[in-house]
Amino acid sequence: MSQKVLLTSKEINIILHRLACQLLENHLDFSNTALIGIQPRGVYLAERLTKILKEDYKVKHIDLGFLDITFYRDDFGRSDKTLKANTTKMDFLVENRNIVFIDDVLYTGRSIRAALTAIQSFGRPIDIELLTLIDRRFSRHLPIQPNYRGRQVDAINEEKVKVMWEENDGKDIVYLVNK
């Protein structure tokens, strides 16, 4: 197994600031917008973006939630592997709000399809956008595209994108892993 560095910590930081600026351009004060990190790995990206928006761009209030999609996945129950649910944290209403789903890697689109189904349990948003750090554009099974993307990667199916976050993995780095 070999791995190639796609993004260093410095490059990730630059991309996060660019994504925060793009969100700010489209949502201004975030009064009718909520950011929702898709469990498990989208949470780290959502928390980072929220921190940047508040500290560097002085956005006063941002609703941040975490959405577990485990039981909404189309492959739920099709494997012998036991799935472990994550925590959903939504202490705000999504009804008539703009929602930005945040995930680290957009691969087949199935996780986002599950998130679209799961969010309906919390109400009907006005608009849903997608922000992703890595877009694996040649691997899509569903017609889902991000509104905001950090980096587009042309990885073939045998290759895997591995995103590591300081909060969970001890360092910020993105690898392209060849099995």
C-alpha atoms as a PDB file:
ATOM      1  CA  MET A   1       0.000   0.000   0.000  1.00  0.00           C
ATOM      2  CA  SER A   2       1.399   3.385  -0.977  1.00  0.00           C
ATOM      3  CA  GLN A   3       0.157   6.852  -0.185  1.00  0.00           C
ATOM      4  CA  LYS A   4       0.739  10.231  -1.744  1.00  0.00           C
ATOM      5  CA  VAL A   5       0.182  13.548   0.037  1.00  0.00           C
ATOM      6  CA  LEU A   6      -2.645  15.468  -1.660  1.00  0.00           C
ATOM      7  CA  LEU A   7      -2.873  18.340   0.825  1.00  0.00           C
ATOM      8  CA  THR A   8      -0.533  19.475   3.581  1.00  0.00           C
ATOM      9  CA  SER A   9      -1.674  21.199   6.757  1.00  0.00           C
ATOM     10  CA  LYS A  10      -0.859  24.605   5.249  1.00  0.00           C
ATOM     11  CA  GLU A  11      -2.818  23.853   2.060  1.00  0.00           C
ATOM     12  CA  ILE A  12      -5.792  22.615   4.100  1.00  0.00           C
ATOM     13  CA  ASN A  13      -5.747  25.849   6.103  1.00  0.00           C
ATOM     14  CA  ILE A  14      -5.711  27.967   2.922  1.00  0.00           C
ATOM     15  CA  ILE A  15      -8.610  25.944   1.468  1.00  0.00           C
ATOM     16  CA  LEU A  16     -10.631  26.253   4.695  1.00  0.00           C
ATOM     17  CA  HIS A  17     -10.278  30.049   4.604  1.00  0.00           C
ATOM     18  CA  ARG A  18     -11.302  30.126   0.937  1.00  0.00           C
ATOM     19  CA  LEU A  19     -14.358  27.973   1.674  1.00  0.00           C
ATOM     20  CA  ALA A  20     -15.265  30.206   4.633  1.00  0.00           C
ATOM     21  CA  CYS A  21     -15.067  33.274   2.361  1.00  0.00           C
ATOM     22  CA  GLN A  22     -17.297  31.602  -0.234  1.00  0.00           C
ATOM     23  CA  LEU A  23     -19.863  30.776   2.458  1.00  0.00           C
ATOM     24  CA  LEU A  24     -19.691  34.352   3.721  1.00  0.00           C
ATOM     25  CA  GLU A  25     -20.245  35.741   0.212  1.00  0.00           C
ATOM     26  CA  ASN A  26     -23.408  33.668  -0.225  1.00  0.00           C
ATOM     27  CA  HIS A  27     -24.858  33.793   3.290  1.00  0.00           C
ATOM     28  CA  LEU A  28     -23.579  37.121   4.725  1.00  0.00           C
ATOM     29  CA  ASP A  29     -24.730  37.100   8.369  1.00  0.00           C
ATOM     30  CA  PHE A  30     -25.921  33.446   8.582  1.00  0.00           C
ATOM     31  CA  SER A  31     -29.168  34.564  10.243  1.00  0.00           C
ATOM     32  CA  ASN A  32     -31.184  32.131   8.097  1.00  0.00           C
ATOM     33  CA  THR A  33     -28.446  29.586   7.431  1.00  0.00           C
ATOM     34  CA  ALA A  34     -27.324  26.532   9.390  1.00  0.00           C
ATOM     35  CA  LEU A  35     -24.169  24.489   8.867  1.00  0.00           C
ATOM     36  CA  ILE A  36     -24.610  20.738   9.320  1.00  0.00           C
ATOM     37  CA  GLY A  37     -21.637  18.399   9.544  1.00  0.00           C
ATOM     38  CA  ILE A  38     -22.398  14.895   8.322  1.00  0.00           C
ATOM     39  CA  GLN A  39     -21.310  12.332  10.890  1.00  0.00           C
ATOM     40  CA  PRO A  40     -18.690  11.216  11.463  1.00  0.00           C
ATOM     41  CA  ARG A  41     -15.942  12.981   9.481  1.00  0.00           C
ATOM     42  CA  GLY A  42     -17.835  16.043   8.252  1.00  0.00           C
ATOM     43  CA  VAL A  43     -18.093  17.243  11.848  1.00  0.00           C
ATOM     44  CA  TYR A  44     -14.407  18.206  12.009  1.00  0.00           C
ATOM     45  CA  LEU A  45     -14.677  20.262   8.825  1.00  0.00           C
ATOM     46  CA  ALA A  46     -17.913  21.941   9.989  1.00  0.00           C
ATOM     47  CA  GLU A  47     -16.387  22.852  13.356  1.00  0.00           C
ATOM     48  CA  ARG A  48     -13.268  24.268  11.704  1.00  0.00           C
ATOM     49  CA  LEU A  49     -15.268  26.397   9.273  1.00  0.00           C
ATOM     50  CA  THR A  50     -17.492  27.689  12.069  1.00  0.00           C
ATOM     51  CA  LYS A  51     -14.424  28.641  14.115  1.00  0.00           C
ATOM     52  CA  ILE A  52     -12.859  30.481  11.147  1.00  0.00           C
ATOM     53  CA  LEU A  53     -16.102  32.330  10.382  1.00  0.00           C
ATOM     54  CA  LYS A  54     -16.509  33.439  13.996  1.00  0.00           C
ATOM     55  CA  GLU A  55     -12.894  34.266  14.859  1.00  0.00           C
ATOM     56  CA  ASP A  56     -11.445  35.543  11.583  1.00  0.00           C
ATOM     57  CA  TYR A  57     -14.539  37.002   9.902  1.00  0.00           C
ATOM     58  CA  LYS A  58     -16.440  38.082  13.038  1.00  0.00           C
ATOM     59  CA  VAL A  59     -19.711  36.288  12.253  1.00  0.00           C
ATOM     60  CA  LYS A  60     -21.579  36.632  15.543  1.00  0.00           C
ATOM     61  CA  HIS A  61     -23.872  33.604  15.444  1.00  0.00           C
ATOM     62  CA  ILE A  62     -23.837  30.429  13.393  1.00  0.00           C
ATOM     63  CA  ASP A  63     -26.156  27.480  13.947  1.00  0.00           C
ATOM     64  CA  LEU A  64     -24.004  24.349  13.774  1.00  0.00           C
ATOM     65  CA  GLY A  65     -25.437  20.861  13.845  1.00  0.00           C
ATOM     66  CA  PHE A  66     -24.288  17.288  13.335  1.00  0.00           C
ATOM     67  CA  LEU A  67     -26.382  14.789  11.389  1.00  0.00           C
ATOM     68  CA  ASP A  68     -26.102  11.020  11.717  1.00  0.00           C
ATOM     69  CA  ILE A  69     -27.103   9.226   8.515  1.00  0.00           C
ATOM     70  CA  THR A  70     -26.401   5.621   9.578  1.00  0.00           C
ATOM     71  CA  PHE A  71     -29.991   4.371   9.451  1.00  0.00           C
ATOM     72  CA  TYR A  72     -30.811   6.293   6.264  1.00  0.00           C
ATOM     73  CA  ARG A  73     -28.083   4.717   4.156  1.00  0.00           C
ATOM     74  CA  ASP A  74     -29.203   2.534   1.247  1.00  0.00           C
ATOM     75  CA  ASP A  75     -26.682  -0.136   2.269  1.00  0.00           C
ATOM     76  CA  PHE A  76     -27.929  -0.299   5.882  1.00  0.00           C
ATOM     77  CA  GLY A  77     -28.517  -3.923   6.821  1.00  0.00           C
ATOM     78  CA  ARG A  78     -26.900  -5.294   3.651  1.00  0.00           C
ATOM     79  CA  SER A  79     -23.606  -6.132   5.306  1.00  0.00           C
ATOM     80  CA  ASP A  80     -22.522  -8.481   8.044  1.00  0.00           C
ATOM     81  CA  LYS A  81     -20.558  -5.610   9.550  1.00  0.00           C
ATOM     82  CA  THR A  82     -22.307  -4.012  12.515  1.00  0.00           C
ATOM     83  CA  LEU A  83     -22.794  -0.292  11.967  1.00  0.00           C
ATOM     84  CA  LYS A  84     -22.386   2.055  14.898  1.00  0.00           C
ATOM     85  CA  ALA A  85     -24.636   5.100  14.982  1.00  0.00           C
ATOM     86  CA  ASN A  86     -23.222   8.540  15.764  1.00  0.00           C
ATOM     87  CA  THR A  87     -24.854  11.418  17.600  1.00  0.00           C
ATOM     88  CA  THR A  88     -27.231  13.789  15.877  1.00  0.00           C
ATOM     89  CA  LYS A  89     -27.086  17.275  17.378  1.00  0.00           C
ATOM     90  CA  MET A  90     -29.658  19.714  16.000  1.00  0.00           C
ATOM     91  CA  ASP A  91     -30.608  22.338  18.569  1.00  0.00           C
ATOM     92  CA  PHE A  92     -32.229  24.608  15.995  1.00  0.00           C
ATOM     93  CA  LEU A  93     -35.071  24.377  13.493  1.00  0.00           C
ATOM     94  CA  VAL A  94     -34.346  23.609   9.849  1.00  0.00           C
ATOM     95  CA  GLU A  95     -37.825  24.559   8.677  1.00  0.00           C
ATOM     96  CA  ASN A  96     -37.620  27.407   6.123  1.00  0.00           C
ATOM     97  CA  ARG A  97     -33.848  27.743   6.606  1.00  0.00           C
ATOM     98  CA  ASN A  98     -30.877  27.506   4.277  1.00  0.00           C
ATOM     99  CA  ILE A  99     -28.877  24.396   5.108  1.00  0.00           C
ATOM    100  CA  VAL A 100     -25.267  23.713   4.160  1.00  0.00           C
ATOM    101  CA  PHE A 101     -24.305  20.050   4.422  1.00  0.00           C
ATOM    102  CA  ILE A 102     -20.605  19.644   5.159  1.00  0.00           C
ATOM    103  CA  ASP A 103     -18.604  16.472   4.556  1.00  0.00           C
ATOM    104  CA  ASP A 104     -14.917  15.762   4.105  1.00  0.00           C
ATOM    105  CA  VAL A 105     -15.055  13.639   0.930  1.00  0.00           C
ATOM    106  CA  LEU A 106     -17.728  13.437  -1.766  1.00  0.00           C
ATOM    107  CA  TYR A 107     -17.338  10.005  -3.305  1.00  0.00           C
ATOM    108  CA  THR A 108     -20.384   8.121  -4.656  1.00  0.00           C
ATOM    109  CA  GLY A 109     -22.995  10.613  -3.423  1.00  0.00           C
ATOM    110  CA  ARG A 110     -24.792   7.987  -1.345  1.00  0.00           C
ATOM    111  CA  SER A 111     -23.986   9.650   1.991  1.00  0.00           C
ATOM    112  CA  ILE A 112     -25.453  12.913   0.739  1.00  0.00           C
ATOM    113  CA  ARG A 113     -28.563  11.110  -0.525  1.00  0.00           C
ATOM    114  CA  ALA A 114     -28.936   9.636   2.983  1.00  0.00           C
ATOM    115  CA  ALA A 115     -28.458  13.101   4.512  1.00  0.00           C
ATOM    116  CA  LEU A 116     -31.176  14.527   2.250  1.00  0.00           C
ATOM    117  CA  THR A 117     -33.551  11.851   3.544  1.00  0.00           C
ATOM    118  CA  ALA A 118     -32.474  12.249   7.184  1.00  0.00           C
ATOM    119  CA  ILE A 119     -32.900  16.041   7.246  1.00  0.00           C
ATOM    120  CA  GLN A 120     -36.591  15.634   6.413  1.00  0.00           C
ATOM    121  CA  SER A 121     -37.092  14.322   9.961  1.00  0.00           C
ATOM    122  CA  PHE A 122     -36.244  17.810  11.189  1.00  0.00           C
ATOM    123  CA  GLY A 123     -38.360  19.877   8.812  1.00  0.00           C
ATOM    124  CA  ARG A 124     -38.326  21.262   5.301  1.00  0.00           C
ATOM    125  CA  PRO A 125     -35.441  23.610   4.487  1.00  0.00           C
ATOM    126  CA  ILE A 126     -35.773  26.335   1.856  1.00  0.00           C
ATOM    127  CA  ASP A 127     -32.468  25.415   0.255  1.00  0.00           C
ATOM    128  CA  ILE A 128     -29.769  22.783   0.747  1.00  0.00           C
ATOM    129  CA  GLU A 129     -26.184  23.253  -0.402  1.00  0.00           C
ATOM    130  CA  LEU A 130     -23.185  20.943  -0.187  1.00  0.00           C
ATOM    131  CA  LEU A 131     -19.656  21.818   0.880  1.00  0.00           C
ATOM    132  CA  THR A 132     -16.902  19.231   0.666  1.00  0.00           C
ATOM    133  CA  LEU A 133     -13.160  19.352   1.204  1.00  0.00           C
ATOM    134  CA  ILE A 134     -12.420  16.696  -1.436  1.00  0.00           C
ATOM    135  CA  ASP A 135     -14.554  15.978  -4.512  1.00  0.00           C
ATOM    136  CA  ARG A 136     -13.783  12.629  -6.147  1.00  0.00           C
ATOM    137  CA  ARG A 137     -15.484  13.528  -9.389  1.00  0.00           C
ATOM    138  CA  PHE A 138     -15.110  10.259 -11.334  1.00  0.00           C
ATOM    139  CA  SER A 139     -16.678   8.037  -8.681  1.00  0.00           C
ATOM    140  CA  ARG A 140     -20.247   9.317  -8.513  1.00  0.00           C
ATOM    141  CA  HIS A 141     -23.146   6.845  -8.463  1.00  0.00           C
ATOM    142  CA  LEU A 142     -25.764   9.583  -8.047  1.00  0.00           C
ATOM    143  CA  PRO A 143     -26.145  12.975  -9.763  1.00  0.00           C
ATOM    144  CA  ILE A 144     -24.918  14.983  -6.765  1.00  0.00           C
ATOM    145  CA  GLN A 145     -22.417  17.845  -7.060  1.00  0.00           C
ATOM    146  CA  PRO A 146     -20.970  20.163  -4.399  1.00  0.00           C
ATOM    147  CA  ASN A 147     -21.742  23.884  -4.306  1.00  0.00           C
ATOM    148  CA  TYR A 148     -18.401  24.466  -2.563  1.00  0.00           C
ATOM    149  CA  ARG A 149     -15.357  22.249  -3.041  1.00  0.00           C
ATOM    150  CA  GLY A 150     -11.902  22.491  -1.576  1.00  0.00           C
ATOM    151  CA  ARG A 151     -10.068  20.311  -4.077  1.00  0.00           C
ATOM    152  CA  GLN A 152     -11.171  18.131  -6.950  1.00  0.00           C
ATOM    153  CA  VAL A 153      -9.379  14.788  -7.127  1.00  0.00           C
ATOM    154  CA  ASP A 154      -9.307  12.406 -10.049  1.00  0.00           C
ATOM    155  CA  ALA A 155      -8.948   9.148  -8.139  1.00  0.00           C
ATOM    156  CA  ILE A 156      -9.768   5.825  -9.714  1.00  0.00           C
ATOM    157  CA  ASN A 157     -11.901   3.335  -7.792  1.00  0.00           C
ATOM    158  CA  GLU A 158      -8.983   1.364  -6.345  1.00  0.00           C
ATOM    159  CA  GLU A 159      -7.584   4.526  -4.777  1.00  0.00           C
ATOM    160  CA  LYS A 160      -8.894   5.952  -1.532  1.00  0.00           C
ATOM    161  CA  VAL A 161      -8.778   9.510  -0.220  1.00  0.00           C
ATOM    162  CA  LYS A 162      -7.829   9.609   3.456  1.00  0.00           C
ATOM    163  CA  VAL A 163      -8.482  12.871   5.318  1.00  0.00           C
ATOM    164  CA  MET A 164      -6.808  13.226   8.696  1.00  0.00           C
ATOM    165  CA  TRP A 165      -7.822  15.937  11.171  1.00  0.00           C
ATOM    166  CA  GLU A 166      -5.769  17.299  14.070  1.00  0.00           C
ATOM    167  CA  GLU A 167      -8.728  16.816  16.431  1.00  0.00           C
ATOM    168  CA  ASN A 168      -9.047  13.095  15.695  1.00  0.00           C
ATOM    169  CA  ASP A 169      -5.840  11.922  14.040  1.00  0.00           C
ATOM    170  CA  GLY A 170      -3.205  14.216  15.530  1.00  0.00           C
ATOM    171  CA  LYS A 171      -2.413  16.093  12.298  1.00  0.00           C
ATOM    172  CA  ASP A 172      -4.053  17.758   9.309  1.00  0.00           C
ATOM    173  CA  ILE A 173      -3.170  16.012   6.062  1.00  0.00           C
ATOM    174  CA  VAL A 174      -4.932  14.425   3.074  1.00  0.00           C
ATOM    175  CA  TYR A 175      -3.530  11.324   1.383  1.00  0.00           C
ATOM    176  CA  LEU A 176      -4.329   9.467  -1.807  1.00  0.00           C
ATOM    177  CA  VAL A 177      -3.907   5.820  -0.822  1.00  0.00           C
ATOM    178  CA  ASN A 178      -3.282   3.131  -3.423  1.00  0.00           C
ATOM    179  CA  LYS A 179      -4.300  -0.302  -2.166  1.00  0.00           C
END
